C-alpha atoms as a PDB file:
ATOM      1  CA  MET A   1      81.586 107.894 128.659  1.00  0.00           C
ATOM      2  CA  GLU A   2      81.047 105.363 131.420  1.00  0.00           C
ATOM      3  CA  PHE A   3      78.999 103.270 129.001  1.00  0.00           C
ATOM      4  CA  LEU A   4      82.351 102.114 127.580  1.00  0.00           C
ATOM      5  CA  ASP A   5      82.889 100.154 130.816  1.00  0.00           C
ATOM      6  CA  GLN A   6      80.472  97.531 129.493  1.00  0.00           C
ATOM      7  CA  ALA A   7      82.115  94.826 127.406  1.00  0.00           C
ATOM      8  CA  SER A   8      79.119  94.543 125.095  1.00  0.00           C
ATOM      9  CA  ILE A   9      79.276  98.266 124.332  1.00  0.00           C
ATOM     10  CA  GLY A  10      83.003  97.989 123.757  1.00  0.00           C
ATOM     11  CA  PHE A  11      82.362  95.207 121.263  1.00  0.00           C
ATOM     12  CA  LEU A  12      79.851  97.322 119.331  1.00  0.00           C
ATOM     13  CA  VAL A  13      82.089 100.397 119.368  1.00  0.00           C
ATOM     14  CA  ILE A  14      85.124  98.522 118.045  1.00  0.00           C
ATOM     15  CA  PHE A  15      83.025  96.645 115.508  1.00  0.00           C
ATOM     16  CA  LEU A  16      81.590  99.865 114.104  1.00  0.00           C
ATOM     17  CA  ALA A  17      84.920 101.726 114.152  1.00  0.00           C
ATOM     18  CA  THR A  18      86.749  98.849 112.449  1.00  0.00           C
ATOM     19  CA  LEU A  19      83.979  98.429 109.897  1.00  0.00           C
ATOM     20  CA  LEU A  20      84.281 102.091 108.927  1.00  0.00           C
ATOM     21  CA  ILE A  21      88.076 102.250 108.938  1.00  0.00           C
ATOM     22  CA  PHE A  22      88.464  99.108 106.848  1.00  0.00           C
ATOM     23  CA  GLY A  23      85.564 100.266 104.720  1.00  0.00           C
ATOM     24  CA  GLU A  24      87.571 103.384 103.914  1.00  0.00           C
ATOM     25  CA  ILE A  25      90.483 101.158 102.902  1.00  0.00           C
ATOM     26  CA  MET A  26      88.256  98.928 100.786  1.00  0.00           C
ATOM     27  CA  VAL A  27      86.166 101.516  98.941  1.00  0.00           C
ATOM     28  CA  ARG A  28      86.253 105.122  97.803  1.00  0.00           C
ATOM     29  CA  THR A  29      84.183 107.241 100.211  1.00  0.00           C
ATOM     30  CA  LYS A  30      86.203 110.490 100.073  1.00  0.00           C
ATOM     31  CA  GLY A  31      87.373 110.003 103.652  1.00  0.00           C
ATOM     32  CA  LEU A  32      83.911 109.922 105.234  1.00  0.00           C
ATOM     33  CA  PHE A  33      84.173 106.352 106.554  1.00  0.00           C
ATOM     34  CA  GLY A  34      87.730 106.978 107.677  1.00  0.00           C
ATOM     35  CA  LEU A  35      86.889 110.096 109.663  1.00  0.00           C
ATOM     36  CA  LEU A  36      83.935 108.470 111.409  1.00  0.00           C
ATOM     37  CA  GLY A  37      85.908 105.317 112.167  1.00  0.00           C
ATOM     38  CA  ILE A  38      88.875 107.245 113.557  1.00  0.00           C
ATOM     39  CA  ALA A  39      86.578 109.404 115.691  1.00  0.00           C
ATOM     40  CA  ILE A  40      84.917 106.342 117.232  1.00  0.00           C
ATOM     41  CA  MET A  41      88.256 104.583 117.736  1.00  0.00           C
ATOM     42  CA  THR A  42      89.720 107.715 119.339  1.00  0.00           C
ATOM     43  CA  MET A  43      86.818 107.739 121.785  1.00  0.00           C
ATOM     44  CA  TYR A  44      87.630 104.139 122.765  1.00  0.00           C
ATOM     45  CA  PHE A  45      91.329 104.752 123.297  1.00  0.00           C
ATOM     46  CA  SER A  46      90.950 108.131 125.022  1.00  0.00           C
ATOM     47  CA  TYR A  47      88.582 106.647 127.590  1.00  0.00           C
ATOM     48  CA  HIS A  48      90.497 103.463 128.409  1.00  0.00           C
ATOM     49  CA  LEU A  49      93.996 104.947 128.341  1.00  0.00           C
ATOM     50  CA  THR A  50      93.079 107.292 131.213  1.00  0.00           C
ATOM     51  CA  SER A  51      92.545 104.364 133.573  1.00  0.00           C
ATOM     52  CA  ILE A  52      95.447 102.036 132.710  1.00  0.00           C
ATOM     53  CA  ASP A  53      99.233 102.120 132.874  1.00  0.00           C
ATOM     54  CA  GLU A  54      99.992 100.807 129.376  1.00  0.00           C
ATOM     55  CA  GLY A  55     100.158 104.311 127.967  1.00  0.00           C
ATOM     56  CA  PHE A  56     100.076 105.630 124.463  1.00  0.00           C
ATOM     57  CA  TRP A  57     102.254 102.821 123.068  1.00  0.00           C
ATOM     58  CA  VAL A  58      99.192 100.589 122.596  1.00  0.00           C
ATOM     59  CA  VAL A  59      97.843 103.177 120.163  1.00  0.00           C
ATOM     60  CA  ILE A  60     101.165 103.020 118.307  1.00  0.00           C
ATOM     61  CA  LEU A  61     100.836  99.226 118.235  1.00  0.00           C
ATOM     62  CA  TYR A  62      97.376  99.556 116.715  1.00  0.00           C
ATOM     63  CA  LEU A  63      98.546 102.097 114.133  1.00  0.00           C
ATOM     64  CA  ILE A  64     101.518  99.942 113.117  1.00  0.00           C
ATOM     65  CA  GLY A  65      99.137  97.054 112.548  1.00  0.00           C
ATOM     66  CA  LEU A  66      96.860  99.243 110.430  1.00  0.00           C
ATOM     67  CA  CYS A  67      99.825 100.431 108.373  1.00  0.00           C
ATOM     68  CA  LEU A  68     100.855  96.822 107.747  1.00  0.00           C
ATOM     69  CA  VAL A  69      97.367  96.023 106.471  1.00  0.00           C
ATOM     70  CA  ILE A  70      97.479  98.966 104.068  1.00  0.00           C
ATOM     71  CA  PHE A  71     101.025  98.073 102.995  1.00  0.00           C
ATOM     72  CA  ASP A  72      99.944  94.528 102.193  1.00  0.00           C
ATOM     73  CA  GLY A  73      97.051  95.799 100.120  1.00  0.00           C
ATOM     74  CA  LYS A  74      99.231  98.218  98.157  1.00  0.00           C
ATOM     75  CA  VAL A  75     102.464  96.246  97.768  1.00  0.00           C
ATOM     76  CA  THR A  76     102.601  92.546  98.640  1.00  0.00           C
ATOM     77  CA  GLY A  77      98.957  91.625  98.171  1.00  0.00           C
ATOM     78  CA  ASP A  78      99.232  88.072  99.538  1.00  0.00           C
ATOM     79  CA  GLY A  79      97.617  88.632 102.943  1.00  0.00           C
ATOM     80  CA  THR A  80     100.606  87.542 105.062  1.00  0.00           C
ATOM     81  CA  ILE A  81     101.645  90.989 106.263  1.00  0.00           C
ATOM     82  CA  ALA A  82      98.001  91.973 106.643  1.00  0.00           C
ATOM     83  CA  PHE A  83      97.502  89.008 108.992  1.00  0.00           C
ATOM     84  CA  ILE A  84     100.376  90.208 111.188  1.00  0.00           C
ATOM     85  CA  GLY A  85      98.888  93.685 111.091  1.00  0.00           C
ATOM     86  CA  ILE A  86      95.518  92.383 112.272  1.00  0.00           C
ATOM     87  CA  LEU A  87      97.190  90.631 115.212  1.00  0.00           C
ATOM     88  CA  LEU A  88      98.947  93.853 116.238  1.00  0.00           C
ATOM     89  CA  MET A  89      95.676  95.749 115.990  1.00  0.00           C
ATOM     90  CA  VAL A  90      93.941  93.164 118.183  1.00  0.00           C
ATOM     91  CA  LEU A  91      96.683  93.514 120.804  1.00  0.00           C
ATOM     92  CA  GLY A  92      96.436  97.291 120.652  1.00  0.00           C
ATOM     93  CA  LEU A  93      92.718  97.104 121.377  1.00  0.00           C
ATOM     94  CA  ALA A  94      92.746  94.286 123.920  1.00  0.00           C
ATOM     95  CA  LEU A  95      95.572  95.510 126.162  1.00  0.00           C
ATOM     96  CA  PRO A  96      93.734  98.676 127.334  1.00  0.00           C
ATOM     97  CA  ALA A  97      90.597  96.644 128.102  1.00  0.00           C
ATOM     98  CA  PRO A  98      89.618  96.564 131.802  1.00  0.00           C
ATOM     99  CA  ASP A  99      89.366  92.761 131.974  1.00  0.00           C
ATOM    100  CA  LEU A 100      89.934  89.569 129.974  1.00  0.00           C
ATOM    101  CA  VAL A 101      86.357  89.221 128.745  1.00  0.00           C
ATOM    102  CA  TYR A 102      86.355  92.796 127.518  1.00  0.00           C
ATOM    103  CA  GLY A 103      89.665  92.254 125.758  1.00  0.00           C
ATOM    104  CA  VAL A 104      88.466  89.087 124.048  1.00  0.00           C
ATOM    105  CA  LEU A 105      85.275  90.784 122.864  1.00  0.00           C
ATOM    106  CA  VAL A 106      87.002  93.815 121.348  1.00  0.00           C
ATOM    107  CA  GLY A 107      89.487  91.490 119.666  1.00  0.00           C
ATOM    108  CA  LEU A 108      86.637  89.477 118.188  1.00  0.00           C
ATOM    109  CA  ALA A 109      84.925  92.685 117.101  1.00  0.00           C
ATOM    110  CA  LEU A 110      87.926  93.630 114.999  1.00  0.00           C
ATOM    111  CA  ILE A 111      88.369  90.123 113.565  1.00  0.00           C
ATOM    112  CA  ILE A 112      84.702  90.004 112.534  1.00  0.00           C
ATOM    113  CA  ALA A 113      84.413  93.582 111.294  1.00  0.00           C
ATOM    114  CA  ALA A 114      87.576  93.614 109.152  1.00  0.00           C
ATOM    115  CA  PRO A 115      86.410  90.990 106.619  1.00  0.00           C
ATOM    116  CA  SER A 116      82.815  92.225 106.911  1.00  0.00           C
ATOM    117  CA  SER A 117      83.928  95.558 105.461  1.00  0.00           C
ATOM    118  CA  TYR A 118      84.338  93.748 102.137  1.00  0.00           C
ATOM    119  CA  LEU A 119      80.547  94.020 101.798  1.00  0.00           C
ATOM    120  CA  PHE A 120      81.013  97.730 101.133  1.00  0.00           C
ATOM    121  CA  THR A 121      82.543  96.814  97.768  1.00  0.00           C
ATOM    122  CA  LYS A 122      79.077  95.666  96.714  1.00  0.00           C
ATOM    123  CA  MET A 123      77.694  99.155  97.273  1.00  0.00           C
ATOM    124  CA  PHE A 124      80.605 101.520  96.620  1.00  0.00           C
ATOM    125  CA  ARG A 125      83.421 101.744  94.113  1.00  0.00           C
ATOM    126  CA  PRO A 126      86.259  99.517  95.372  1.00  0.00           C
ATOM    127  CA  ARG A 127      89.879 100.565  95.551  1.00  0.00           C
ATOM    128  CA  LYS A 128      92.193  98.875  93.053  1.00  0.00           C
ATOM    129  CA  MET A 129      94.743  98.053  95.768  1.00  0.00           C
ATOM    130  CA  TRP A 130      92.620  95.096  96.932  1.00  0.00           C
ATOM    131  CA  GLU A 131      91.957  93.528  93.543  1.00  0.00           C
ATOM    132  CA  LYS A 132      94.817  91.063  93.918  1.00  0.00           C
ATOM    133  CA  MET A 133      93.796  89.853  97.388  1.00  0.00           C
ATOM    134  CA  THR A 134      90.100  89.572  96.591  1.00  0.00           C
ATOM    135  CA  LEU A 135      90.744  88.173  93.065  1.00  0.00           C
ATOM    136  CA  LYS A 136      88.281  90.599  91.558  1.00  0.00           C
ATOM    137  CA  ASP A 137      90.113  90.949  88.251  1.00  0.00           C
ATOM    138  CA  LYS A 138      88.813  88.466  85.718  1.00  0.00           C
ATOM    139  CA  LEU A 139      91.399  87.045  83.374  1.00  0.00           C
ATOM    140  CA  SER A 140      89.308  87.704  80.339  1.00  0.00           C
ATOM    141  CA  SER A 141      89.956  89.066  76.886  1.00  0.00           C
ATOM    142  CA  GLU A 142      87.808  92.107  77.782  1.00  0.00           C
ATOM    143  CA  ASN A 143      90.386  93.074  80.416  1.00  0.00           C
ATOM    144  CA  GLY A 144      93.348  92.404  78.178  1.00  0.00           C
ATOM    145  CA  TYR A 145      94.077  88.848  79.293  1.00  0.00           C
ATOM    146  CA  ASN A 146      94.078  85.786  77.092  1.00  0.00           C
ATOM    147  CA  SER A 147      94.558  82.176  78.108  1.00  0.00           C
ATOM    148  CA  MET A 148      95.379  81.537  74.458  1.00  0.00           C
ATOM    149  CA  ASN A 149      97.169  83.725  71.978  1.00  0.00           C
ATOM    150  CA  GLU A 150      94.344  84.921  69.698  1.00  0.00           C
ATOM    151  CA  ASP A 151      96.533  84.885  66.596  1.00  0.00           C
ATOM    152  CA  TYR A 152      97.389  81.255  67.233  1.00  0.00           C
ATOM    153  CA  TYR A 153      93.789  80.389  68.062  1.00  0.00           C
ATOM    154  CA  GLU A 154      92.742  81.542  64.597  1.00  0.00           C
ATOM    155  CA  LEU A 155      95.082  78.960  63.054  1.00  0.00           C
ATOM    156  CA  ILE A 156      92.879  76.029  64.077  1.00  0.00           C
ATOM    157  CA  GLY A 157      91.527  74.256  61.011  1.00  0.00           C
ATOM    158  CA  LYS A 158      93.911  75.939  58.569  1.00  0.00           C
ATOM    159  CA  MET A 159      96.243  74.105  56.212  1.00  0.00           C
ATOM    160  CA  GLY A 160      99.999  74.438  56.213  1.00  0.00           C
ATOM    161  CA  VAL A 161     103.191  72.911  54.846  1.00  0.00           C
ATOM    162  CA  THR A 162     106.003  71.480  56.919  1.00  0.00           C
ATOM    163  CA  LYS A 163     109.269  73.287  56.251  1.00  0.00           C
ATOM    164  CA  THR A 164     111.387  70.918  58.332  1.00  0.00           C
ATOM    165  CA  PRO A 165     111.030  67.236  59.246  1.00  0.00           C
ATOM    166  CA  PHE A 166     108.911  66.732  62.383  1.00  0.00           C
ATOM    167  CA  ARG A 167     110.521  64.408  64.960  1.00  0.00           C
ATOM    168  CA  PRO A 168     107.965  65.238  66.424  1.00  0.00           C
ATOM    169  CA  THR A 169     108.575  69.012  66.518  1.00  0.00           C
ATOM    170  CA  GLY A 170     109.502  71.266  63.661  1.00  0.00           C
ATOM    171  CA  THR A 171     108.535  74.316  61.629  1.00  0.00           C
ATOM    172  CA  VAL A 172     105.369  74.703  59.615  1.00  0.00           C
ATOM    173  CA  GLU A 173     104.398  77.438  57.170  1.00  0.00           C
ATOM    174  CA  ILE A 174     100.829  78.732  57.494  1.00  0.00           C
ATOM    175  CA  ASP A 175      99.527  81.618  55.414  1.00  0.00           C
ATOM    176  CA  GLY A 176     103.087  82.549  54.503  1.00  0.00           C
ATOM    177  CA  LYS A 177     104.279  82.656  58.134  1.00  0.00           C
ATOM    178  CA  LEU A 178     106.535  80.194  59.944  1.00  0.00           C
ATOM    179  CA  PHE A 179     105.459  78.644  63.265  1.00  0.00           C
ATOM    180  CA  SER A 180     106.964  76.102  65.605  1.00  0.00           C
ATOM    181  CA  ALA A 181     104.625  73.153  65.990  1.00  0.00           C
ATOM    182  CA  THR A 182     104.401  69.546  67.101  1.00  0.00           C
ATOM    183  CA  SER A 183     102.964  66.467  65.425  1.00  0.00           C
ATOM    184  CA  ASP A 184     102.210  64.675  68.702  1.00  0.00           C
ATOM    185  CA  ASN A 185     104.768  61.830  68.245  1.00  0.00           C
ATOM    186  CA  LEU A 186     104.087  61.460  64.506  1.00  0.00           C
ATOM    187  CA  TRP A 187     107.109  61.671  62.206  1.00  0.00           C
ATOM    188  CA  ILE A 188     106.344  63.892  59.217  1.00  0.00           C
ATOM    189  CA  ASN A 189     108.682  64.672  56.355  1.00  0.00           C
ATOM    190  CA  GLU A 190     109.489  68.082  54.932  1.00  0.00           C
ATOM    191  CA  GLU A 191     107.104  69.726  52.415  1.00  0.00           C
ATOM    192  CA  VAL A 192     104.076  67.726  53.574  1.00  0.00           C
ATOM    193  CA  SER A 193     100.627  69.301  53.591  1.00  0.00           C
ATOM    194  CA  VAL A 194      99.265  69.349  57.171  1.00  0.00           C
ATOM    195  CA  LYS A 195      96.230  70.602  59.034  1.00  0.00           C
ATOM    196  CA  ILE A 196      96.202  72.548  62.307  1.00  0.00           C
ATOM    197  CA  ILE A 197      94.339  70.322  64.758  1.00  0.00           C
ATOM    198  CA  SER A 198      94.456  72.351  67.957  1.00  0.00           C
ATOM    199  CA  VAL A 199      96.248  75.159  69.774  1.00  0.00           C
ATOM    200  CA  ASP A 200      97.110  75.219  73.473  1.00  0.00           C
ATOM    201  CA  GLY A 201      98.602  78.575  74.344  1.00  0.00           C
ATOM    202  CA  THR A 202     101.382  78.810  71.750  1.00  0.00           C
ATOM    203  CA  ARG A 203     101.632  75.042  71.241  1.00  0.00           C
ATOM    204  CA  ILE A 204     100.390  74.191  67.767  1.00  0.00           C
ATOM    205  CA  LEU A 205      99.376  70.596  67.039  1.00  0.00           C
ATOM    206  CA  ILE A 206      99.443  69.466  63.423  1.00  0.00           C
ATOM    207  CA  ALA A 207      98.536  66.292  61.554  1.00  0.00           C
ATOM    208  CA  PRO A 208      98.994  65.178  57.942  1.00  0.00           C
ATOM    209  CA  GLU A 209      96.198  66.336  55.678  1.00  0.00           C
ATOM    210  CA  ASN A 210      95.066  62.764  54.953  1.00  0.00           C
ATOM    211  CA  LYS A 211      94.737  61.797  58.651  1.00  0.00           C
END
């Protein structure tokens, strides 16, 4: 495997291995990407660790970094721990490199390949663990999210009767139900017919019927 002595080959090997390993983390491929990526990465480490004194601990450093990336995707989801994990992985790859240029190139290969693996989500079914980091969930009513309570939204345009004085907040009765509402700095007496002007979340804005 003397071809791994060339920095350019090392770059390509690490790029491909990282692309596959992170691709396995990003999408569901039944372990195929993971096995190929690990096999290629094992080839890199097994060759370079035979000619250096760092020993097997650099592999442990790399694996710890990978575990941190997975942990961030499953638990924290904010990218901070994943960033630390990426740095550890870069160190684990660069330290066994035969020279500085080689080390820089394999580090760049990982940094470029890791985010590039996101492209796999366009072709394969993505894993749910990354939905928070990649903001793939849409906050839509189809997915069970509502920026506005639908029951309140339906109140717009309806008529109601104030059950307490508004100074400027109070209670209004609409369709036989009581709601907290505001008159937007208007003072309204009790038992006054009002109209629902707008709804913002659960904030109901009313106005006298004759306004």
